[in-house]
Amino acid sequence: MHIADLLTNGPTCSFEFFPPKTEKGAEALYETIRKLEVLKPSFVSVTYGAGGSTRELTHDLVVRIKNSTSLDAIPHLTLVCHSQDEIQGILTRYAEAGVSNILALGGDPPKGLTGYDRKQDAFQQAADLVGFIRKFNEKGGLHPDQRGFGVGVAGFPEGHPATPNRLDEMDYLKAKVDQGADYIVTQLFFDNSAFFDFRDRCILAGITIPIVAGIMPITTTQGMRRIAELAGGANISAGLQRAIARAGSDTEAVANVGVHWATEQCRELLDQGVAGIHFYTLNQSSATTEIYRSLGLRDSAALQRSASS
């Protein structure tokens, strides 16, 4: 099923995982996935390493989730370091496996490739990748679903680190939508006002597809700094920093602060009609499960029931 179909009955709830590089890590992740499966998320996504460095791991994890769980798994796909033939081959494999959706992203080159010339890539912008996937769909017969792949793209409430001009950034996002994106999943944020402003700016830019909010609970003080780096400079508000500082060296208290903050974010987002919430799990289950409990939910279907009541 296309994610766009699910979003018409939203709000959705989804989880993101990254493919481990060892067999032990893979088994640990699979145990996490099994624990989160009982929450019946609308879908889960699997990341794609810089420059396609986890191409096979991503494919194998997506197929394993699809074939051995009740979850609908969506692979990330980036354009950096890829030729058109490589992208065609990746899409063909996912189509043959019956994968229904792709999250199309720009991506970054691997850290070891200093001075990499992006002109070598078949596509220069994520919009180009979205357009290519749509052309793949139009060929027909390559995917068991006659519509082909549903396509999601990324959005950046606090700005893309590579695009200081926020007006240009919205133009790039609009180009992805014009090429056929079905929905947007945002980068993580800790201040909901950034999301609401982003949503309003999308409307002003003529972007009307659903926007799913990305949430990542802070669970350790070290993790707070790591999260900010991963997010390309996410703004961690003074209020959240003070709350974390009050917890001091008490690791349980830090985790409680982070989960409470994320829970209140979700509560407000749901009250304000968010299309969906996407949890960046870092391959852990406890924080996400605790947020569900704090919201009074047993599974993602409860979100839709509460929204329609």
Foldseek 3Di string as FASTA:
>chain_A
DAVLVVLVLDQFEEEEEEQDPDPVVNVLLVVLCVVCVQQVGQAYEYEADALRPCVVSQVVVQLCCVVPGPHQYEYEDEFANDEPVRLVVSLLVCQVSQRAAYEQEHGHHDPVPPPDDRVVTNDDASLVVLLSQQVVLVVAPSHPPNSRHAYEYEDELVDDLVDPPVVVRLVSVVSNVVSPHQEYEYQEALDCVSVVVSVVVCVVSVNDHAYAYEHEFDQAPVVVVVSCVVSSHHDDDPVLVVQCVVCPPVSRSNRVSRLVSRLVSVVVCLVVPHSYYYYHQHSHNDSVVVSCVVVVHSHRVVSSVVSVD
